[in-house]
Amino acid sequence: MFDQVLIAVDESDHSRRAAMVGLAFATAYGADIDVVHAVEDASSTTSTETGTRDHQGADDILQDISERATDVGVTVETHAVEGNPPEVIVNQANESNADLIVMGRQGRSGISEQVLGSVTDRVLRNTDVPVLVVPSGEPVSSDGSRFDRILAPTDGSETAEQAAPYSTDIAKHHDATLHVLNVIDPRFEGIFSAGGGSEEFFERLEERGHDFIDQYIEHGGQTTTETPTDVDIRKAVVRGTTSEEIDEYAVENDIDLVVMASQGESGLTGQLLGSIADQTLRESEKPVLIIPSTE
């Protein structure tokens, strides 16, 4: 599923963390790696001909990930490319036939004005390649980033189910537990009274949520029994605001990766799951893998 991984880097600490997560991901799949650093002014970057080193941080991270990849037997190529970062990343992904793009972002305080509001956001809206967005946090080593617990939210839509083969396959490769979550969000169920709907009504929604989860599991190629043979699957239906519940569930269950689908040409906004994907990216403290919709 993932044979060629593109890791986008700059001089930031969160970029370095994303690079290590990307390397661990590629190692699990035996994938080849391309590492790209977009240089908006080519005259200010490291040059092998002149020996100038004005972008020492980017040069260091390119060398560091190259050495680490070699140590674990992963093929890697590094690229310093002049141009607008989002365009460089998308173009490099196309040229290298990447199956996955890995990028970093700052923490919650800097999301809207910094990385997610610009580079990451524009890459997400201009590529049909899955994008793994890694938030800032504690540094990780190339062999210390594990995906042992994976969260897959579903709203029962065909768009949501497009992420199922990815979450299931990643769980298999990492021998991970796959948590499939449905959130009953009163905002989208016509429940507007102060007291909400009746308990009987919520019970029906919970039954529907479990049906959605079973559909997702089946779409991922698994059985709907309580003990599937290939992947350890946990099912959960909760009530609340969707993006908040996804984030809270991820924290409470020590989730390592959230996998969810976006919308198609409309990007991450406009419809329910697309807007939820956008909010999750902006709020989650966990890495989030966005699977572009083919609809």
Protein backbone atom coordinates (compact mmCIF):
# COMPACT_ATOMS: atom_id res chain seq x y z
CA MET A 1 0.00 0.00 0.00
CA PHE A 2 2.86 2.38 0.85
CA ASP A 3 5.91 1.80 -1.35
CA GLN A 4 7.14 5.36 -1.77
CA VAL A 5 7.02 7.90 1.05
CA LEU A 6 7.70 11.62 0.63
CA ILE A 7 8.78 13.47 3.77
CA ALA A 8 8.61 17.28 3.60
CA VAL A 9 11.04 19.05 5.93
CA ASP A 10 12.21 22.50 6.94
CA GLU A 11 14.43 23.79 9.76
CA SER A 12 11.78 23.48 12.52
CA ASP A 13 11.71 21.06 15.44
CA HIS A 14 8.24 19.77 14.53
CA SER A 15 9.53 19.04 11.03
CA ARG A 16 12.32 16.93 12.49
CA ARG A 17 9.81 15.02 14.59
CA ALA A 18 7.66 14.41 11.51
CA ALA A 19 10.72 13.14 9.65
CA MET A 20 11.40 10.54 12.33
CA VAL A 21 7.75 9.44 12.36
CA GLY A 22 7.80 9.23 8.56
CA LEU A 23 10.96 7.14 8.65
CA ALA A 24 9.43 4.73 11.18
CA PHE A 25 6.31 4.47 9.01
CA ALA A 26 8.36 3.78 5.88
CA THR A 27 10.48 1.22 7.71
CA ALA A 28 7.39 -0.75 8.73
CA TYR A 29 6.34 -0.96 5.07
CA GLY A 30 9.82 -1.39 3.60
CA ALA A 31 9.12 1.73 1.54
CA ASP A 32 11.63 3.96 -0.24
CA ILE A 33 11.87 7.56 0.95
CA ASP A 34 12.20 10.91 -0.77
CA VAL A 35 12.97 13.83 1.52
CA VAL A 36 12.26 17.28 0.10
CA HIS A 37 13.14 20.73 1.42
CA ALA A 38 11.48 23.59 -0.44
CA VAL A 39 13.77 26.58 -0.83
CA GLU A 40 12.00 29.82 -1.65
CA ASP A 41 15.31 31.55 -2.43
CA ALA A 42 17.83 29.18 -3.98
CA SER A 43 20.71 31.59 -3.40
CA SER A 44 20.33 31.24 0.38
CA THR A 45 20.42 27.46 0.68
CA THR A 46 23.26 25.00 1.00
CA SER A 47 25.20 24.48 -2.19
CA THR A 48 27.48 21.51 -2.77
CA GLU A 49 29.38 23.58 -5.33
CA THR A 50 30.02 26.74 -3.30
CA GLY A 51 29.98 25.21 0.16
CA THR A 52 27.69 27.92 1.54
CA ARG A 53 25.54 26.86 4.49
CA ASP A 54 22.99 29.54 5.24
CA HIS A 55 20.26 26.96 5.83
CA GLN A 56 22.24 24.77 8.18
CA GLY A 57 19.15 23.39 9.93
CA ALA A 58 17.59 22.05 6.74
CA ASP A 59 20.93 20.68 5.58
CA ASP A 60 21.36 18.89 8.91
CA ILE A 61 17.91 17.29 8.84
CA LEU A 62 18.43 16.07 5.26
CA GLN A 63 21.70 14.49 6.25
CA ASP A 64 20.33 13.13 9.52
CA ILE A 65 17.34 11.33 8.00
CA SER A 66 19.49 10.05 5.15
CA GLU A 67 21.93 8.49 7.63
CA ARG A 68 19.14 7.03 9.77
CA ALA A 69 17.40 5.56 6.72
CA THR A 70 20.66 3.97 5.56
CA ASP A 71 21.18 2.49 9.03
CA VAL A 72 17.84 0.67 8.90
CA GLY A 73 18.23 -0.38 5.27
CA VAL A 74 15.73 2.04 3.72
CA THR A 75 16.51 3.63 0.36
CA VAL A 76 16.43 7.43 0.54
CA GLU A 77 16.91 10.37 -1.83
CA THR A 78 17.10 13.98 -0.66
CA HIS A 79 16.01 17.04 -2.63
CA ALA A 80 16.46 20.78 -2.05
CA VAL A 81 14.12 22.39 -4.56
CA GLU A 82 13.59 26.08 -5.26
CA GLY A 83 10.01 27.25 -5.25
CA ASN A 84 6.82 27.81 -3.28
CA PRO A 85 6.74 25.08 -0.57
CA PRO A 86 3.21 23.69 -1.20
CA GLU A 87 3.83 23.54 -4.94
CA VAL A 88 7.25 21.94 -4.47
CA ILE A 89 5.84 19.28 -2.16
CA VAL A 90 2.89 18.40 -4.41
CA ASN A 91 5.07 18.36 -7.54
CA GLN A 92 7.71 16.20 -5.87
CA ALA A 93 5.03 13.77 -4.69
CA ASN A 94 3.79 13.47 -8.26
CA GLU A 95 7.28 13.06 -9.72
CA SER A 96 8.26 10.38 -7.24
CA ASN A 97 4.89 8.58 -7.45
CA ALA A 98 4.54 8.92 -3.69
CA ASP A 99 1.93 6.83 -1.89
CA LEU A 100 2.18 9.01 1.22
CA ILE A 101 3.24 12.54 2.14
CA VAL A 102 4.48 13.16 5.69
CA MET A 103 4.51 16.71 7.09
CA GLY A 104 4.82 18.39 10.48
CA ARG A 105 2.78 21.12 12.09
CA GLN A 106 3.09 23.28 15.16
CA GLY A 107 0.95 22.85 18.26
CA ARG A 108 -2.51 24.25 18.74
CA SER A 109 -1.41 27.80 19.45
CA GLY A 110 0.22 28.25 16.08
CA ILE A 111 -1.96 26.20 13.77
CA SER A 112 -4.13 28.76 12.03
CA GLU A 113 -1.39 31.29 11.30
CA GLN A 114 1.54 28.96 10.81
CA VAL A 115 1.92 25.56 9.21
CA LEU A 116 -1.62 24.20 8.91
CA GLY A 117 -2.94 27.55 7.79
CA SER A 118 -0.49 27.72 4.95
CA VAL A 119 1.78 24.95 3.70
CA THR A 120 0.07 21.85 5.10
CA ASP A 121 -3.38 23.23 4.40
CA ARG A 122 -2.55 23.95 0.76
CA VAL A 123 -0.89 20.60 0.23
CA LEU A 124 -3.97 18.83 1.59
CA ARG A 125 -6.19 20.73 -0.82
CA ASN A 126 -4.05 20.14 -3.89
CA THR A 127 -3.04 16.49 -3.79
CA ASP A 128 -4.76 13.14 -4.19
CA VAL A 129 -2.01 11.46 -2.13
CA PRO A 130 -2.71 10.52 1.52
CA VAL A 131 -1.09 13.03 3.90
CA LEU A 132 0.21 12.17 7.38
CA VAL A 133 0.25 15.33 9.50
CA VAL A 134 2.46 15.07 12.61
CA PRO A 135 1.93 17.66 15.37
CA SER A 136 4.71 19.10 17.47
CA GLY A 137 5.67 17.21 20.60
CA GLU A 138 8.46 15.30 22.24
CA PRO A 139 11.27 14.22 19.90
CA VAL A 140 11.11 10.62 18.70
CA SER A 141 13.75 8.28 17.38
CA SER A 142 13.46 6.45 14.07
CA ASP A 143 12.79 3.19 15.92
CA GLY A 144 10.81 4.68 18.80
CA SER A 145 7.68 5.82 16.99
CA ARG A 146 5.12 3.03 17.10
CA PHE A 147 1.54 2.92 15.93
CA ASP A 148 0.13 0.44 18.45
CA ARG A 149 -3.34 1.98 18.73
CA ILE A 150 -5.09 3.41 15.68
CA LEU A 151 -8.33 5.39 15.72
CA ALA A 152 -10.71 5.35 12.76
CA PRO A 153 -13.78 7.63 13.06
CA THR A 154 -16.74 6.85 10.83
CA ASP A 155 -20.06 8.56 10.19
CA GLY A 156 -21.42 5.70 8.07
CA SER A 157 -20.81 7.49 4.78
CA GLU A 158 -19.12 5.99 1.73
CA THR A 159 -16.50 8.72 2.05
CA ALA A 160 -15.61 7.63 5.57
CA GLU A 161 -15.36 4.01 4.48
CA GLN A 162 -12.72 4.91 1.90
CA ALA A 163 -10.28 5.19 4.79
CA ALA A 164 -11.08 1.67 6.03
CA PRO A 165 -8.59 -0.26 3.86
CA TYR A 166 -5.83 2.13 4.97
CA SER A 167 -6.53 1.97 8.70
CA THR A 168 -6.86 -1.80 8.55
CA ASP A 169 -3.68 -2.29 6.55
CA ILE A 170 -1.69 -0.01 8.86
CA ALA A 171 -3.00 -1.93 11.87
CA LYS A 172 -1.85 -5.19 10.27
CA HIS A 173 1.64 -3.86 9.53
CA HIS A 174 2.08 -2.56 13.07
CA ASP A 175 0.26 -5.40 14.81
CA ALA A 176 -1.90 -2.64 16.26
CA THR A 177 -5.34 -2.41 17.82
CA LEU A 178 -7.84 -0.64 15.56
CA HIS A 179 -10.41 1.50 17.38
CA VAL A 180 -13.45 2.26 15.19
CA LEU A 181 -15.48 5.16 16.57
CA ASN A 182 -18.89 6.61 15.80
CA VAL A 183 -19.97 9.87 17.43
CA ILE A 184 -23.63 10.73 17.92
CA ASP A 185 -23.56 14.48 17.49
CA PRO A 186 -26.88 16.15 18.41
CA ARG A 187 -26.09 19.02 16.03
CA PHE A 188 -26.58 16.67 13.09
CA GLU A 189 -29.42 14.56 14.44
CA GLY A 190 -32.15 17.20 14.66
CA ILE A 191 -31.89 17.30 18.45
CA PHE A 192 -32.29 20.94 19.38
CA SER A 193 -34.33 20.95 22.57
CA ALA A 194 -32.57 21.83 25.81
CA GLY A 195 -32.98 18.31 27.11
CA GLY A 196 -32.04 16.61 23.85
CA GLY A 197 -33.78 13.53 22.51
CA SER A 198 -35.30 10.72 24.52
CA GLU A 199 -33.14 7.88 25.79
CA GLU A 200 -34.97 5.53 23.45
CA PHE A 201 -34.07 7.79 20.55
CA PHE A 202 -30.40 7.77 21.54
CA GLU A 203 -30.48 3.99 21.87
CA ARG A 204 -31.65 3.75 18.26
CA LEU A 205 -28.83 6.07 17.22
CA GLU A 206 -26.36 3.92 19.12
CA GLU A 207 -27.62 0.82 17.30
CA ARG A 208 -27.20 2.67 14.01
CA GLY A 209 -23.70 3.71 15.08
CA HIS A 210 -22.73 0.08 15.65
CA ASP A 211 -24.09 -0.74 12.20
CA PHE A 212 -21.89 2.02 10.76
CA ILE A 213 -18.90 0.55 12.56
CA ASP A 214 -19.61 -2.95 11.22
CA GLN A 215 -19.89 -1.54 7.70
CA TYR A 216 -16.53 0.18 8.14
CA ILE A 217 -14.91 -3.01 9.38
CA GLU A 218 -16.30 -4.99 6.46
CA HIS A 219 -15.06 -2.35 4.02
CA GLY A 220 -11.60 -2.78 5.53
CA GLY A 221 -11.71 -6.47 4.65
CA GLN A 222 -12.40 -7.72 8.19
CA THR A 223 -15.20 -9.76 9.68
CA THR A 224 -17.75 -8.21 12.02
CA THR A 225 -17.24 -10.78 14.76
CA GLU A 226 -15.94 -9.78 18.17
CA THR A 227 -12.65 -11.60 17.50
CA PRO A 228 -11.54 -10.87 13.91
CA THR A 229 -8.67 -13.04 12.76
CA ASP A 230 -6.35 -10.39 11.32
CA VAL A 231 -6.74 -7.24 13.41
CA ASP A 232 -7.71 -6.61 17.02
CA ILE A 233 -10.71 -4.27 16.67
CA ARG A 234 -12.39 -2.21 19.40
CA LYS A 235 -15.78 -0.60 18.76
CA ALA A 236 -17.10 2.53 20.42
CA VAL A 237 -20.19 4.72 20.05
CA VAL A 238 -20.17 7.96 22.05
CA ARG A 239 -22.26 11.12 22.29
CA GLY A 240 -21.04 14.69 21.90
CA THR A 241 -19.48 17.16 19.50
CA THR A 242 -17.74 15.05 16.88
CA SER A 243 -14.30 16.68 16.69
CA GLU A 244 -14.11 17.07 20.47
CA GLU A 245 -15.07 13.45 21.06
CA ILE A 246 -12.50 12.22 18.53
CA ASP A 247 -9.78 14.21 20.29
CA GLU A 248 -10.92 13.14 23.77
CA TYR A 249 -11.14 9.48 22.77
CA ALA A 250 -7.66 9.64 21.26
CA VAL A 251 -6.19 11.06 24.46
CA GLU A 252 -8.06 8.76 26.85
CA ASN A 253 -7.13 5.63 24.88
CA ASP A 254 -3.54 6.68 24.18
CA ILE A 255 -4.11 6.57 20.43
CA ASP A 256 -0.96 6.79 18.27
CA LEU A 257 -2.58 7.61 14.92
CA VAL A 258 -5.94 8.89 13.67
CA VAL A 259 -6.96 7.78 10.16
CA MET A 260 -9.86 9.51 8.42
CA ALA A 261 -11.07 10.56 4.98
CA SER A 262 -11.54 14.03 3.58
CA GLN A 263 -13.86 15.27 0.87
CA GLY A 264 -12.91 15.45 -2.79
CA GLU A 265 -12.44 18.65 -4.78
CA SER A 266 -14.13 20.71 -2.08
CA GLY A 267 -11.13 20.02 0.12
CA LEU A 268 -11.52 19.52 3.85
CA THR A 269 -14.50 21.82 4.28
CA GLY A 270 -18.06 21.99 3.08
CA GLN A 271 -19.63 18.76 4.30
CA LEU A 272 -19.79 16.87 7.56
CA LEU A 273 -16.78 14.57 7.40
CA GLY A 274 -14.68 17.14 5.56
CA SER A 275 -15.28 19.77 8.21
CA ILE A 276 -14.61 17.23 10.96
CA ALA A 277 -11.33 16.23 9.33
CA ASP A 278 -10.33 19.88 9.20
CA GLN A 279 -11.20 20.42 12.87
CA THR A 280 -9.43 17.23 13.92
CA LEU A 281 -6.27 18.33 12.15
CA ARG A 282 -6.38 21.67 13.92
CA GLU A 283 -7.15 20.29 17.39
CA SER A 284 -5.57 16.85 17.65
CA GLU A 285 -2.37 16.26 19.58
CA LYS A 286 -1.99 12.97 17.68
CA PRO A 287 -0.68 12.34 14.16
CA VAL A 288 -3.56 12.38 11.68
CA LEU A 289 -3.57 10.55 8.34
CA ILE A 290 -5.93 12.13 5.83
CA ILE A 291 -7.15 9.90 2.98
CA PRO A 292 -8.40 11.96 0.00
CA SER A 293 -11.88 11.02 -1.16
CA THR A 294 -12.21 9.63 -4.68
CA GLU A 295 -15.80 10.89 -4.98
